[in-house]
Amino acid sequence: MSSLANLKEMDVSFNELESVPESLCFATTLVKLNVGNNFADMVSLPRSIGNLEMLEELDISNNQIRVLPESFRMLTKLRVFRAHENPLQVPPRDIAEKGPQAVVQYMNDLVEMRNEKSLVVKPKKSWVQMCFFPKSNKRKHNSMEIV
């Protein structure tokens, strides 16, 4: 991967690529990446695309990408983002049309919201509650409670 160490620009448009290899994300000096116009073949970006922290310009137009990877939020230097003619769902198309920083912010907010939800822990019942107040074990049957 040392051959990618000084790579600044890469254009692999119009190649009918199905995916971008994760190893490309080791090219941390990459400033411009064009993977546009791979049409029906390209459906996703590498999960670790956020490693390309120097990336300023990204073209993914005319592909079949529906969801951007969560690591997209790390692309804080992104100034140009072309994503037209993709069936984008995450982020929604209206966010993508607002520009690259809106997309980065949306992805950041999305990840933070998911992280907060995963931290919410349901309070556990104590032995006393389970033994003496087993509401979840009661069923009503013809107006009578069965325990």
Foldseek 3Di string as FASTA:
>chain_A
DVVLQQAAEDAPAPPLAQEDDPVNLVSLNHAEYEHDHNAARHAAYDLSVLSNCNHAEYEHARYAHAAYHLSLLSNQNHFYYHHHNYNYVQVDPVQVVVGSNSSSVSSVVVVVVVVVVVPDDDDDDDPCCCPPPVVVPWDDDPNDIDD
